[in-house]
Amino acid sequence: MDDETKEKIRKLALQNALDHGKTQDKIVLAKVLGQESHLRAHVKEIMPIISEIVASVNKMSASQIRKEVEQNFADLLEEKPKHEEQQGLPPLEGAEHGKVITRFPPEPNGYPHIGHAKAAIIDEEYARMYGGKLILRFDDTNPEAERLEYYAAIKVGLDWLGVRYDVVKNTSDDIEILYKKGKEMLEGGFAYVCTCKQETISANRREMKACKCSLGEQVQNFDRWEKMFSKYKQGDAIVRFRGDMKSENTVMRDPVMFRIIETKHPLLGDKYRVYPSYDFAVAIEDSIDGVTHAFRTKEYELRNELYYSILEALKMRKPKVIEFSRLGFEGMPVSKRILRPLIEEGKVSGYDDPRLPTLEALRRRGIRPDAIRKFVLSLGFTKADTQAPFETLESFNRKIVDGESIRLHMIKNPKVIDVSGLPKTITMHNHPTKDLGTRIVELGQSLLVEEDDLARAKPEDTIRFMGLGNIKITRNDSALEGQYTGDDLRQDIPKIHWLSENTAQRLKILVPSILFHGEEFNENSLEELNVFTEPYYNQLKEGAEIQFVRFGYCRKDSQLQAIYTHK
C-alpha cells in the first residue's frame, strides 16, 4: 500500500476521532471501502494497517488530534455548505410515454453557461424519461444581438455536455409562417399596428391608457403592415397584441408582436427586415413543433398569460408550460450584461476564462460534463432561485476525476536539501490505487522541498519523503542537509512531497476564485503561481487531469501552464 492511501486512512481516522473523540477500525474500514471500492479484494492486507493507524490516533489527546488536522488536513475544519440531494425529476403532468416532446430554445447571442446547461439537461432528461424527443431550436429573431459564432458555440457546449437532441432548427426557418400567423392576428382583431413613439408607448403602458392606434380600422392596420416591409424604418412601427391596458400584469398591456430590425441577420442576411418578438414566436413555434411540455425559467411566469392568449386567439394547440428556477453560482454571474463588459474591459481573458460559469470556462477549468449533469439533477425541480455554492459542483467533480488523475509532485516555494545515500532512480506509481502506470524518477544529490515543510525541522528529525523514503535531517541552518535512511514505513513522522532538483520543470498554475464579492469585482480573482513540477508533466496530453500532491486537482492547459480545478 502506498503513502497516499495510508494518508487517506489516517485522515479518515482523524476525522472520525475529531467528530466523536475516538475512532474504530471497523468504521474507518467502511469509510475507506466506500471511497475506494477496489480495495474490497485486499481487506486482509489493509486491515492491520488500519488497526495500527486507529490505535495511534486513539492514543492522542483531543488537542493533539486537532493540531494534526490543522497542520495536514485543514479542509476537515471547513464548514461545508448543506446540500440536500434530490433523486431524479418529478413526473410530468399529462405525459404519455412515447409522446412527450420538449425543446431547448437558446438565443444565439452569447456563449452557453451553467444556466443553459440546467435547462438543456432538464429538457433532455424528461424527453428520455418518457421515450420522447428533444428539439434544439435557436431563437434567432433579434439579429442585432446574434452571431454565427454563437450558434456554433451552443452546439459545441451541448455536445460536450452529452445532450442528445433529435431535431435542430431555427425560429428564423419559419419566418414566413410567423408572418402568416401575424396577419391572422390582424384579421381577427387581436393585434394592431402602432406608429407611436417609444416614449408615448411606454407612458401609456405605465398609465394604463389605450393607444390611439388601437382604434384604427383593419384597412389602416393592413396598410401599415405592408409599409413595415418596405417604407417604414426601424422604430417607425410595431405590431402590438391587443391585450388589456388595465391589466395588473404589465406583460398584457399591448405587448410587441413584430418590429422592424434593419441589421443583417446572421443566417438570412438582408432578406427580411420585420422580425417577431420572442413572446409571439415562442408560442407559435412550440405549437407547430408539437412541443407537449415547454420548460422555461420562472422569470417568464408572468408571460404565460400572453403565451396562452396568443394560441387561444389563433385556435392553436397549447403545450403545457412549466417553470423552474434559474441556476447560477455565488459570485459568478451568468448575465451577459455583466460578462460582456468584463471581457471588453480586459478584466477576464474571454468566455473561456476559468473564473466564469460558461461551459467553455468550466471545461477548461477541469469540470467534467457528467459532474454538471449530476449536480443539476441533484438540485431537484424547484421554482426557488438557485444560487449554489461552487463547492457543491466541485464535490461531484472530485468523485469523478479522482480515479483518473495522475498524481505528481509540485513545489511552490522551493528550498534545496542535499541528501546523501539516495538511490539513482526510483519508480513511482501514477495513482495510489488505480492502474495508471508508473514513472521512473531520476535522483541527484539535491532535492527541492517546500520551504515551510522543513522550517522547524531539527537535526536528527526524520521526515518521510512521500514515495521515496525516510530522510534524517543532519543540518538546518544556512544550508539544509539530510541522510537517506531507507523506506521503512513509520506513522509517527511528518510526510512531505519533494522534487529532484536536476529534473524539476517550471510551470505556471492559474488559480481562479470568486469573481464578485456582492456587486464588487474581485481584482484578486485569478492568482498566478510560478512553481516547479516533475518532468513527467511534459508527457501528459493537453487536458489531462492531475492531482498535485497536497495541493489539489488541476487540468493541463499547455506545456507551460495548468489550471487549478479544486481541492
Protein backbone atom coordinates (compact mmCIF):
# COMPACT_ATOMS: atom_id res chain seq x y z
CA MET A 1 0.00 0.00 0.00
CA ASP A 2 1.44 3.38 -0.97
CA ASP A 3 1.82 6.50 1.14
CA GLU A 4 -1.17 8.33 -0.32
CA THR A 5 -3.62 5.56 0.57
CA LYS A 6 -2.17 5.38 4.09
CA GLU A 7 -2.55 9.13 4.36
CA LYS A 8 -6.23 8.82 3.33
CA ILE A 9 -6.74 6.20 6.05
CA ARG A 10 -5.14 8.45 8.65
CA LYS A 11 -7.25 11.39 7.51
CA LEU A 12 -10.45 9.33 7.88
CA ALA A 13 -9.37 8.13 11.32
CA LEU A 14 -8.60 11.68 12.45
CA GLN A 15 -11.88 12.95 11.05
CA ASN A 16 -13.83 10.30 12.96
CA ALA A 17 -11.88 11.00 16.14
CA LEU A 18 -12.38 14.74 15.71
CA ASP A 19 -16.15 14.23 15.49
CA HIS A 20 -16.55 11.55 18.18
CA GLY A 21 -13.50 11.70 20.46
CA LYS A 22 -12.30 8.23 19.48
CA THR A 23 -12.34 6.17 16.31
CA GLN A 24 -12.77 2.48 15.47
CA ASP A 25 -11.01 0.37 12.88
CA LYS A 26 -14.31 -1.04 11.52
CA ILE A 27 -15.69 2.48 10.96
CA VAL A 28 -12.52 3.58 9.20
CA LEU A 29 -12.53 0.40 7.09
CA ALA A 30 -16.11 1.06 6.00
CA LYS A 31 -15.26 4.64 5.04
CA VAL A 32 -12.15 3.56 3.11
CA LEU A 33 -14.03 0.91 1.17
CA GLY A 34 -16.80 3.41 0.47
CA GLN A 35 -14.29 5.74 -1.17
CA GLU A 36 -12.00 3.11 -2.70
CA SER A 37 -14.25 0.16 -3.60
CA HIS A 38 -11.44 -1.66 -5.45
CA LEU A 39 -9.75 -2.25 -2.06
CA ARG A 40 -12.51 -4.71 -1.09
CA ALA A 41 -10.40 -7.51 -2.53
CA HIS A 42 -7.50 -6.53 -0.24
CA VAL A 43 -9.22 -6.23 3.14
CA LYS A 44 -6.86 -8.74 4.77
CA GLU A 45 -3.82 -6.72 3.73
CA ILE A 46 -5.16 -3.28 4.69
CA MET A 47 -6.86 -4.22 7.97
CA PRO A 48 -3.61 -4.46 10.01
CA ILE A 49 -2.53 -1.04 8.71
CA ILE A 50 -5.93 0.47 9.59
CA SER A 51 -5.73 -1.06 13.08
CA GLU A 52 -2.22 0.37 13.58
CA ILE A 53 -3.30 3.86 12.46
CA VAL A 54 -6.50 3.75 14.57
CA ALA A 55 -4.50 2.70 17.64
CA SER A 56 -2.04 5.58 17.20
CA VAL A 57 -4.87 8.12 16.75
CA ASN A 58 -6.72 6.85 19.83
CA LYS A 59 -3.59 7.45 21.93
CA MET A 60 -3.69 11.14 21.01
CA SER A 61 -5.38 13.81 23.08
CA ALA A 62 -8.14 15.95 21.58
CA SER A 63 -5.74 18.89 21.26
CA GLN A 64 -3.14 16.71 19.51
CA ILE A 65 -5.77 15.45 17.06
CA ARG A 66 -6.91 18.96 16.29
CA LYS A 67 -3.32 20.18 15.88
CA GLU A 68 -2.51 17.44 13.33
CA VAL A 69 -5.74 18.13 11.46
CA GLU A 70 -4.93 21.86 11.34
CA GLN A 71 -1.42 21.13 10.03
CA ASN A 72 -2.16 18.38 7.50
CA PHE A 73 -5.90 18.22 6.82
CA ALA A 74 -7.24 21.74 7.30
CA ASP A 75 -10.09 21.08 4.88
CA LEU A 76 -11.75 18.92 7.57
CA LEU A 77 -12.28 22.07 9.63
CA GLU A 78 -14.00 23.98 6.85
CA GLU A 79 -17.76 24.35 7.21
CA LYS A 80 -19.32 22.53 4.27
CA PRO A 81 -22.43 24.05 2.68
CA LYS A 82 -25.53 22.00 3.37
CA HIS A 83 -26.88 20.47 0.22
CA GLU A 84 -29.85 18.19 0.12
CA GLU A 85 -29.56 15.86 -2.81
CA GLN A 86 -32.73 15.04 -4.72
CA GLN A 87 -33.38 11.78 -6.51
CA GLY A 88 -34.33 12.28 -10.13
CA LEU A 89 -37.01 14.55 -11.56
CA PRO A 90 -40.70 14.51 -10.61
CA PRO A 91 -43.21 13.01 -13.05
CA LEU A 92 -44.73 15.25 -15.73
CA GLU A 93 -48.39 16.11 -15.61
CA GLY A 94 -50.29 14.64 -18.54
CA ALA A 95 -47.23 12.92 -20.02
CA GLU A 96 -47.75 9.86 -22.22
CA HIS A 97 -44.85 7.56 -22.94
CA GLY A 98 -43.55 7.99 -26.47
CA LYS A 99 -45.46 11.25 -27.00
CA VAL A 100 -43.50 13.76 -24.91
CA ILE A 101 -41.71 16.46 -26.92
CA THR A 102 -39.54 19.06 -25.19
CA ARG A 103 -37.44 21.85 -26.64
CA PHE A 104 -34.33 23.79 -25.68
CA PRO A 105 -34.61 27.26 -27.33
CA PRO A 106 -31.41 29.29 -26.71
CA GLU A 107 -30.91 32.64 -28.38
CA PRO A 108 -27.54 32.65 -30.22
CA ASN A 109 -26.44 35.88 -28.56
CA GLY A 110 -23.62 34.59 -26.37
CA TYR A 111 -21.72 31.56 -25.13
CA PRO A 112 -23.65 28.91 -23.17
CA HIS A 113 -23.28 28.87 -19.38
CA ILE A 114 -24.33 26.79 -16.39
CA GLY A 115 -27.89 28.15 -16.63
CA HIS A 116 -28.18 26.87 -20.19
CA ALA A 117 -26.78 23.54 -19.01
CA LYS A 118 -29.53 23.19 -16.42
CA ALA A 119 -32.29 23.95 -18.94
CA ALA A 120 -30.87 21.65 -21.64
CA ILE A 121 -30.30 18.77 -19.22
CA ILE A 122 -33.83 19.02 -17.78
CA ASP A 123 -35.31 19.16 -21.29
CA GLU A 124 -33.31 16.11 -22.35
CA GLU A 125 -33.89 14.10 -19.18
CA TYR A 126 -37.66 14.45 -19.47
CA ALA A 127 -37.62 13.58 -23.17
CA ARG A 128 -35.66 10.40 -22.44
CA MET A 129 -37.68 9.60 -19.30
CA TYR A 130 -40.81 9.32 -21.46
CA GLY A 131 -39.23 7.93 -24.62
CA GLY A 132 -39.90 11.21 -26.41
CA LYS A 133 -37.96 13.78 -28.44
CA LEU A 134 -35.87 16.87 -27.75
CA ILE A 135 -35.79 19.79 -30.19
CA LEU A 136 -32.83 22.17 -30.26
CA ARG A 137 -34.37 25.36 -31.62
CA PHE A 138 -32.32 28.52 -31.97
CA ASP A 139 -34.49 31.50 -31.03
CA ASP A 140 -32.89 33.79 -33.63
CA THR A 141 -35.30 36.66 -34.25
CA ASN A 142 -33.14 39.51 -32.97
CA PRO A 143 -30.30 39.95 -35.49
CA GLU A 144 -28.90 42.91 -33.54
CA ALA A 145 -27.62 40.54 -30.84
CA GLU A 146 -26.94 37.32 -32.74
CA ARG A 147 -23.80 36.00 -34.42
CA LEU A 148 -22.86 32.83 -36.29
CA GLU A 149 -20.17 32.01 -33.72
CA TYR A 150 -22.84 31.72 -31.03
CA TYR A 151 -24.84 29.10 -32.95
CA ALA A 152 -21.65 27.04 -33.15
CA ALA A 153 -20.67 27.68 -29.52
CA ILE A 154 -24.05 26.49 -28.25
CA LYS A 155 -23.83 23.28 -30.30
CA VAL A 156 -20.28 22.65 -29.10
CA GLY A 157 -21.35 23.23 -25.50
CA LEU A 158 -24.32 20.85 -25.76
CA ASP A 159 -22.20 18.18 -27.45
CA TRP A 160 -19.63 18.48 -24.66
CA LEU A 161 -22.40 18.14 -22.07
CA GLY A 162 -23.57 14.98 -23.81
CA VAL A 163 -27.02 16.44 -24.52
CA ARG A 164 -28.54 14.50 -27.44
CA TYR A 165 -31.18 16.33 -29.45
CA ASP A 166 -33.40 14.74 -32.10
CA VAL A 167 -34.19 17.81 -34.20
CA VAL A 168 -32.21 21.00 -34.88
CA LYS A 169 -33.99 24.05 -36.29
CA ASN A 170 -34.05 27.84 -36.17
CA THR A 171 -37.05 30.03 -35.44
CA SER A 172 -35.97 32.08 -38.46
CA ASP A 173 -36.62 28.99 -40.64
CA ASP A 174 -40.32 29.63 -40.07
CA ILE A 175 -40.43 33.38 -40.55
CA GLU A 176 -42.97 33.14 -43.39
CA ILE A 177 -45.22 31.02 -41.16
CA LEU A 178 -44.88 33.63 -38.42
CA TYR A 179 -45.85 36.38 -40.89
CA LYS A 180 -48.93 34.34 -41.82
CA LYS A 181 -49.91 33.99 -38.17
CA GLY A 182 -49.30 37.70 -37.64
CA LYS A 183 -51.72 38.55 -40.46
CA GLU A 184 -54.27 36.19 -38.93
CA MET A 185 -54.00 38.11 -35.67
CA LEU A 186 -54.62 41.38 -37.54
CA GLU A 187 -57.55 39.88 -39.44
CA GLY A 188 -59.12 38.62 -36.23
CA GLY A 189 -58.74 41.96 -34.49
CA PHE A 190 -56.31 40.51 -31.96
CA ALA A 191 -53.48 42.84 -33.00
CA TYR A 192 -52.89 46.29 -34.48
CA VAL A 193 -50.00 48.27 -35.96
CA CYS A 194 -48.77 51.12 -33.78
CA THR A 195 -46.77 54.08 -35.09
CA CYS A 196 -46.43 55.96 -31.81
CA LYS A 197 -43.03 56.98 -30.49
CA GLN A 198 -41.44 54.70 -27.91
CA GLU A 199 -41.79 57.33 -25.16
CA THR A 200 -45.54 57.54 -25.78
CA ILE A 201 -45.93 53.76 -25.80
CA SER A 202 -44.04 53.45 -22.51
CA ALA A 203 -46.04 56.26 -20.87
CA ASN A 204 -49.36 54.76 -21.97
CA ARG A 205 -48.40 51.37 -20.61
CA ARG A 206 -47.40 52.89 -17.26
CA GLU A 207 -50.61 54.91 -17.07
CA MET A 208 -52.81 52.06 -18.39
CA LYS A 209 -54.07 54.23 -21.26
CA ALA A 210 -55.26 52.77 -24.55
CA CYS A 211 -53.11 53.62 -27.57
CA LYS A 212 -54.86 55.73 -30.23
CA CYS A 213 -53.53 53.31 -32.86
CA SER A 214 -55.63 50.55 -31.32
CA LEU A 215 -58.73 52.39 -32.55
CA GLY A 216 -57.68 52.18 -36.22
CA GLU A 217 -59.68 50.09 -38.67
CA GLN A 218 -58.38 46.96 -40.38
CA VAL A 219 -57.64 48.87 -43.58
CA GLN A 220 -55.24 51.09 -41.64
CA ASN A 221 -53.63 48.11 -39.94
CA PHE A 222 -53.02 46.23 -43.20
CA ASP A 223 -51.70 49.33 -44.91
CA ARG A 224 -49.25 49.87 -42.09
CA TRP A 225 -48.37 46.16 -42.04
CA GLU A 226 -47.34 46.35 -45.70
CA LYS A 227 -45.34 49.51 -45.08
CA MET A 228 -43.36 47.74 -42.36
CA PHE A 229 -41.85 45.56 -45.09
CA SER A 230 -40.98 48.45 -47.40
CA LYS A 231 -41.46 52.08 -46.37
CA TYR A 232 -41.21 52.35 -42.60
CA LYS A 233 -37.80 52.50 -40.94
CA GLN A 234 -36.69 50.85 -37.74
CA GLY A 235 -38.65 52.35 -34.85
CA ASP A 236 -41.42 53.77 -37.07
CA ALA A 237 -43.96 51.00 -36.47
CA ILE A 238 -44.58 47.84 -34.44
CA VAL A 239 -47.32 45.23 -34.34
CA ARG A 240 -48.90 45.01 -30.89
CA PHE A 241 -51.08 42.33 -29.34
CA ARG A 242 -54.44 43.69 -28.36
CA GLY A 243 -54.29 42.81 -24.68
CA ASP A 244 -55.65 44.70 -21.69
CA MET A 245 -54.10 48.08 -20.89
CA LYS A 246 -55.80 47.97 -17.47
CA SER A 247 -54.26 44.61 -16.57
CA GLU A 248 -52.24 44.32 -13.37
CA ASN A 249 -49.97 42.02 -15.37
CA THR A 250 -47.88 44.57 -17.27
CA VAL A 251 -46.98 41.93 -19.86
CA MET A 252 -50.58 42.07 -21.11
CA ARG A 253 -50.57 45.81 -21.78
CA ASP A 254 -50.49 45.51 -25.57
CA PRO A 255 -47.02 43.96 -25.94
CA VAL A 256 -44.94 43.88 -29.14
CA MET A 257 -45.50 41.06 -31.64
CA PHE A 258 -43.40 42.29 -34.60
CA ARG A 259 -40.82 45.04 -35.06
CA ILE A 260 -38.52 46.32 -37.80
CA ILE A 261 -34.83 45.46 -37.43
CA GLU A 262 -32.62 46.64 -40.25
CA THR A 263 -29.49 44.78 -39.08
CA LYS A 264 -28.30 41.92 -41.31
CA HIS A 265 -29.37 38.52 -39.94
CA PRO A 266 -26.51 36.02 -39.43
CA LEU A 267 -28.36 33.35 -41.47
CA LEU A 268 -30.87 35.26 -43.60
CA GLY A 269 -28.77 38.28 -44.47
CA ASP A 270 -30.84 41.21 -45.79
CA LYS A 271 -33.75 39.10 -46.98
CA TYR A 272 -36.06 40.16 -44.12
CA ARG A 273 -36.44 43.29 -42.04
CA VAL A 274 -39.54 42.50 -39.94
CA TYR A 275 -38.95 40.10 -37.06
CA PRO A 276 -41.34 38.57 -34.49
CA SER A 277 -40.82 39.17 -30.78
CA TYR A 278 -39.82 36.26 -28.56
CA ASP A 279 -43.27 36.17 -26.94
CA PHE A 280 -45.05 35.73 -30.26
CA ALA A 281 -42.54 33.40 -31.89
CA VAL A 282 -42.12 31.02 -28.95
CA ALA A 283 -45.87 30.37 -28.65
CA ILE A 284 -46.30 29.67 -32.38
CA GLU A 285 -43.14 27.58 -32.66
CA ASP A 286 -43.96 25.45 -29.61
CA SER A 287 -47.38 24.74 -31.04
CA ILE A 288 -46.35 23.86 -34.60
CA ASP A 289 -43.31 21.87 -33.41
CA GLY A 290 -45.56 19.56 -31.40
CA VAL A 291 -44.00 20.50 -28.05
CA THR A 292 -46.00 18.91 -25.26
CA HIS A 293 -44.13 20.33 -22.26
CA ALA A 294 -42.38 23.69 -22.58
CA PHE A 295 -39.90 24.35 -19.77
CA ARG A 296 -38.65 27.84 -19.07
CA THR A 297 -37.20 29.74 -16.17
CA LYS A 298 -39.54 31.36 -13.70
CA GLU A 299 -38.90 34.98 -14.78
CA TYR A 300 -41.15 34.15 -17.74
CA GLU A 301 -44.01 33.13 -15.45
CA LEU A 302 -45.96 36.37 -15.96
CA ARG A 303 -45.64 35.86 -19.73
CA ASN A 304 -47.64 32.63 -19.60
CA GLU A 305 -50.89 34.60 -19.84
CA LEU A 306 -49.70 36.16 -23.11
CA TYR A 307 -48.38 32.82 -24.40
CA TYR A 308 -51.76 31.16 -23.98
CA SER A 309 -53.71 34.21 -25.17
CA ILE A 310 -51.87 34.20 -28.50
CA LEU A 311 -52.54 30.49 -29.02
CA GLU A 312 -56.16 30.93 -27.98
CA ALA A 313 -56.66 33.77 -30.48
CA LEU A 314 -55.21 31.61 -33.28
CA LYS A 315 -57.04 28.49 -32.09
CA MET A 316 -53.73 26.59 -31.99
CA ARG A 317 -52.71 23.64 -29.85
CA LYS A 318 -51.45 24.64 -26.39
CA PRO A 319 -48.39 22.99 -24.83
CA LYS A 320 -48.06 22.69 -21.06
CA VAL A 321 -45.71 25.44 -19.81
CA ILE A 322 -43.67 24.55 -16.72
CA GLU A 323 -41.35 26.92 -14.86
CA PHE A 324 -38.18 26.11 -12.98
CA SER A 325 -35.59 28.23 -11.19
CA ARG A 326 -32.59 29.82 -12.82
CA LEU A 327 -29.20 28.46 -11.83
CA GLY A 328 -26.11 30.45 -11.05
CA PHE A 329 -23.12 30.29 -8.73
CA GLU A 330 -22.46 32.63 -5.85
CA GLY A 331 -20.09 35.35 -7.06
CA MET A 332 -20.09 34.04 -10.65
CA PRO A 333 -22.78 35.91 -12.63
CA VAL A 334 -24.24 34.42 -15.81
CA SER A 335 -25.79 37.65 -17.12
CA LYS A 336 -24.41 38.78 -20.49
CA ARG A 337 -24.97 42.33 -19.29
CA ILE A 338 -22.25 41.71 -16.68
CA LEU A 339 -19.99 39.29 -18.56
CA ARG A 340 -19.55 41.26 -21.78
CA PRO A 341 -18.12 44.40 -20.12
CA LEU A 342 -15.66 42.21 -18.18
CA ILE A 343 -14.35 40.83 -21.47
CA GLU A 344 -14.42 44.16 -23.29
CA GLU A 345 -12.54 45.87 -20.46
CA GLY A 346 -9.96 43.08 -20.27
CA LYS A 347 -10.85 42.08 -16.71
CA VAL A 348 -11.22 38.49 -17.91
CA SER A 349 -9.46 36.98 -20.91
CA GLY A 350 -12.55 35.70 -22.75
CA TYR A 351 -15.52 33.38 -22.46
CA ASP A 352 -13.17 30.52 -21.55
CA ASP A 353 -11.62 32.38 -18.61
CA PRO A 354 -11.64 29.78 -15.78
CA ARG A 355 -13.33 32.22 -13.39
CA LEU A 356 -16.52 32.29 -15.46
CA PRO A 357 -19.58 29.99 -15.31
CA THR A 358 -19.63 29.48 -19.10
CA LEU A 359 -19.37 25.91 -20.34
CA GLU A 360 -16.12 26.74 -22.14
CA ALA A 361 -14.65 28.07 -18.90
CA LEU A 362 -15.85 25.10 -16.84
CA ARG A 363 -14.40 22.68 -19.40
CA ARG A 364 -11.07 24.50 -19.40
CA ARG A 365 -11.03 24.54 -15.61
CA GLY A 366 -11.38 20.77 -15.50
CA ILE A 367 -15.05 20.36 -14.57
CA ARG A 368 -16.46 17.23 -16.18
CA PRO A 369 -19.78 17.25 -18.07
CA ASP A 370 -21.05 14.23 -16.16
CA ALA A 371 -20.41 16.12 -12.91
CA ILE A 372 -22.52 19.02 -14.22
CA ARG A 373 -25.39 16.65 -15.06
CA LYS A 374 -25.31 15.01 -11.63
CA PHE A 375 -25.11 18.41 -9.99
CA VAL A 376 -28.10 19.75 -11.94
CA LEU A 377 -30.24 16.71 -11.21
CA SER A 378 -29.28 16.80 -7.53
CA LEU A 379 -30.85 20.24 -7.20
CA GLY A 380 -34.28 18.85 -7.95
CA PHE A 381 -37.09 20.71 -9.70
CA THR A 382 -38.00 23.92 -7.94
CA LYS A 383 -39.04 27.49 -8.66
CA ALA A 384 -36.83 28.86 -5.89
CA ASP A 385 -33.86 30.69 -7.43
CA THR A 386 -30.74 28.58 -7.04
CA GLN A 387 -27.50 30.36 -6.17
CA ALA A 388 -25.46 27.26 -5.50
CA PRO A 389 -22.02 27.36 -3.90
CA PHE A 390 -19.42 26.26 -6.44
CA GLU A 391 -18.18 23.73 -3.88
CA THR A 392 -21.29 21.64 -4.50
CA LEU A 393 -20.34 21.13 -8.15
CA GLU A 394 -16.75 20.53 -7.07
CA SER A 395 -17.82 17.65 -4.84
CA PHE A 396 -19.48 15.87 -7.76
CA ASN A 397 -16.47 16.53 -9.97
CA ARG A 398 -13.99 15.29 -7.37
CA LYS A 399 -15.63 11.87 -7.24
CA ILE A 400 -15.26 11.53 -11.00
CA VAL A 401 -11.75 12.85 -11.57
CA ASP A 402 -10.08 11.33 -8.52
CA GLY A 403 -9.68 7.90 -10.05
CA GLU A 404 -8.41 9.33 -13.36
CA SER A 405 -5.98 11.96 -12.12
CA ILE A 406 -2.25 11.31 -12.34
CA ARG A 407 -0.52 12.12 -9.05
CA LEU A 408 2.50 14.41 -9.41
CA HIS A 409 4.61 16.41 -7.01
CA MET A 410 4.75 20.21 -7.29
CA ILE A 411 6.75 22.73 -5.29
CA LYS A 412 5.67 26.38 -4.87
CA ASN A 413 8.36 27.89 -2.62
CA PRO A 414 11.43 25.75 -3.20
CA LYS A 415 14.24 25.11 -0.75
CA VAL A 416 17.15 22.84 -1.61
CA ILE A 417 18.16 19.95 0.61
CA ASP A 418 21.30 17.96 -0.13
CA VAL A 419 20.74 14.32 0.75
CA SER A 420 23.39 11.63 0.95
CA GLY A 421 22.75 7.95 0.23
CA LEU A 422 19.95 8.41 -2.29
CA PRO A 423 19.38 5.76 -4.97
CA LYS A 424 19.95 6.88 -8.58
CA THR A 425 16.35 6.23 -9.62
CA ILE A 426 13.06 5.17 -8.10
CA THR A 427 9.78 4.01 -9.62
CA MET A 428 6.63 5.84 -8.53
CA HIS A 429 3.02 4.86 -9.14
CA ASN A 430 0.95 7.39 -11.09
CA HIS A 431 -2.06 6.70 -8.86
CA PRO A 432 -2.19 5.21 -5.36
CA THR A 433 -4.90 2.65 -6.13
CA LYS A 434 -5.74 2.71 -9.86
CA ASP A 435 -3.61 1.18 -12.60
CA LEU A 436 -2.49 4.37 -14.33
CA GLY A 437 1.06 3.17 -14.87
CA THR A 438 4.34 4.16 -13.28
CA ARG A 439 7.11 6.65 -13.89
CA ILE A 440 10.83 6.48 -13.27
CA VAL A 441 12.21 9.41 -11.29
CA GLU A 442 15.90 10.21 -11.64
CA LEU A 443 17.53 11.41 -8.45
CA GLY A 444 20.53 13.60 -7.89
CA GLN A 445 22.01 14.61 -4.57
CA SER A 446 19.79 17.70 -4.28
CA LEU A 447 16.04 17.70 -3.75
CA LEU A 448 13.53 20.55 -3.71
CA VAL A 449 11.06 20.81 -0.84
CA GLU A 450 8.51 23.41 0.27
CA GLU A 451 10.32 25.96 2.41
CA ASP A 452 7.71 25.81 5.18
CA ASP A 453 7.74 22.00 5.36
CA LEU A 454 11.22 21.84 6.89
CA ALA A 455 11.39 25.29 8.51
CA ARG A 456 11.11 23.78 12.00
CA ALA A 457 12.98 20.54 11.34
CA LYS A 458 15.92 19.92 13.68
CA PRO A 459 18.99 17.75 13.20
CA GLU A 460 18.16 14.12 13.99
CA ASP A 461 14.49 14.62 12.97
CA THR A 462 13.27 12.05 10.44
CA ILE A 463 10.93 13.13 7.67
CA ARG A 464 9.02 10.88 5.28
CA PHE A 465 9.56 11.99 1.67
CA MET A 466 6.44 10.62 0.02
CA GLY A 467 7.16 7.84 -2.47
CA LEU A 468 10.90 7.96 -1.74
CA GLY A 469 11.51 7.03 1.88
CA ASN A 470 12.80 8.39 5.18
CA ILE A 471 15.39 11.14 5.42
CA LYS A 472 17.12 12.12 8.65
CA ILE A 473 17.89 15.84 8.91
CA THR A 474 21.59 16.37 9.63
CA ARG A 475 21.79 20.14 9.19
CA ASN A 476 19.30 23.02 9.09
CA ASP A 477 20.95 26.43 9.35
CA SER A 478 22.43 28.30 6.40
CA ALA A 479 22.12 25.05 4.45
CA LEU A 480 19.77 22.10 4.64
CA GLU A 481 21.21 18.59 4.56
CA GLY A 482 19.94 15.11 5.22
CA GLN A 483 20.69 11.41 5.00
CA TYR A 484 18.57 8.76 3.33
CA THR A 485 17.77 6.03 5.87
CA GLY A 486 15.58 3.64 3.89
CA ASP A 487 11.92 3.02 3.17
CA ASP A 488 10.59 1.58 6.43
CA LEU A 489 7.08 2.94 6.94
CA ARG A 490 6.60 4.93 10.12
CA GLN A 491 3.33 6.57 11.12
CA ASP A 492 4.83 8.91 13.71
CA ILE A 493 6.81 11.16 11.37
CA PRO A 494 5.73 14.06 9.13
CA LYS A 495 5.21 13.43 5.41
CA ILE A 496 6.17 15.91 2.72
CA HIS A 497 6.37 15.98 -1.08
CA TRP A 498 9.51 16.83 -3.00
CA LEU A 499 11.21 17.09 -6.40
CA SER A 500 14.58 16.13 -7.81
CA GLU A 501 16.29 19.47 -8.40
CA ASN A 502 18.13 18.43 -11.57
CA THR A 503 14.91 17.46 -13.41
CA ALA A 504 12.40 19.94 -11.96
CA GLN A 505 10.33 21.72 -14.63
CA ARG A 506 8.99 25.27 -14.39
CA LEU A 507 5.22 25.62 -14.58
CA LYS A 508 2.59 28.34 -14.11
CA ILE A 509 -0.66 27.43 -12.35
CA LEU A 510 -3.70 29.68 -12.68
CA VAL A 511 -5.84 29.60 -9.55
CA PRO A 512 -9.34 31.03 -10.14
CA SER A 513 -11.50 32.17 -7.25
CA ILE A 514 -14.77 34.01 -6.72
CA LEU A 515 -15.29 36.72 -9.35
CA PHE A 516 -17.53 39.10 -7.39
CA HIS A 517 -17.95 39.99 -3.74
CA GLY A 518 -21.52 41.22 -3.80
CA GLU A 519 -21.58 43.81 -6.59
CA GLU A 520 -17.84 44.46 -6.48
CA PHE A 521 -15.44 42.82 -8.93
CA ASN A 522 -12.72 40.87 -7.16
CA GLU A 523 -9.44 42.19 -8.55
CA ASN A 524 -7.63 39.21 -6.97
CA SER A 525 -9.88 36.58 -8.51
CA LEU A 526 -7.07 34.99 -10.56
CA GLU A 527 -3.79 34.08 -8.89
CA GLU A 528 -0.74 33.01 -10.89
CA LEU A 529 1.62 30.59 -9.15
CA ASN A 530 5.12 30.06 -10.54
CA VAL A 531 6.05 26.55 -9.45
CA PHE A 532 8.18 23.52 -10.25
CA THR A 533 6.91 20.05 -11.09
CA GLU A 534 8.13 16.70 -12.38
CA PRO A 535 9.28 16.26 -16.00
CA TYR A 536 6.55 13.62 -16.40
CA TYR A 537 4.12 16.55 -16.75
CA ASN A 538 5.53 17.11 -20.26
CA GLN A 539 4.43 13.62 -21.32
CA LEU A 540 0.78 14.24 -20.43
CA LYS A 541 -1.68 15.28 -23.13
CA GLU A 542 -3.28 18.70 -23.04
CA GLY A 543 -6.44 18.43 -20.99
CA ALA A 544 -5.02 15.72 -18.73
CA GLU A 545 -6.28 15.75 -15.16
CA ILE A 546 -3.64 15.86 -12.46
CA GLN A 547 -3.67 15.86 -8.71
CA PHE A 548 -0.68 17.76 -7.42
CA VAL A 549 0.02 16.05 -4.12
CA ARG A 550 -1.00 18.11 -1.07
CA PHE A 551 -2.27 20.91 -3.35
CA GLY A 552 -5.31 19.90 -5.39
CA TYR A 553 -6.70 18.84 -8.78
CA CYS A 554 -5.57 20.69 -11.90
CA ARG A 555 -6.04 20.40 -15.66
CA LYS A 556 -3.13 20.65 -18.06
CA ASP A 557 -3.80 23.74 -20.18
CA SER A 558 -0.49 23.69 -22.09
CA GLN A 559 3.11 22.56 -21.66
CA LEU A 560 3.82 25.65 -19.58
CA GLN A 561 0.50 26.16 -17.79
CA ALA A 562 -2.05 24.28 -15.70
CA ILE A 563 -5.36 25.46 -14.25
CA TYR A 564 -6.41 24.72 -10.71
CA THR A 565 -9.75 22.90 -10.62
CA HIS A 566 -10.45 22.43 -6.91
CA LYS A 567 -9.19 20.71 -3.79
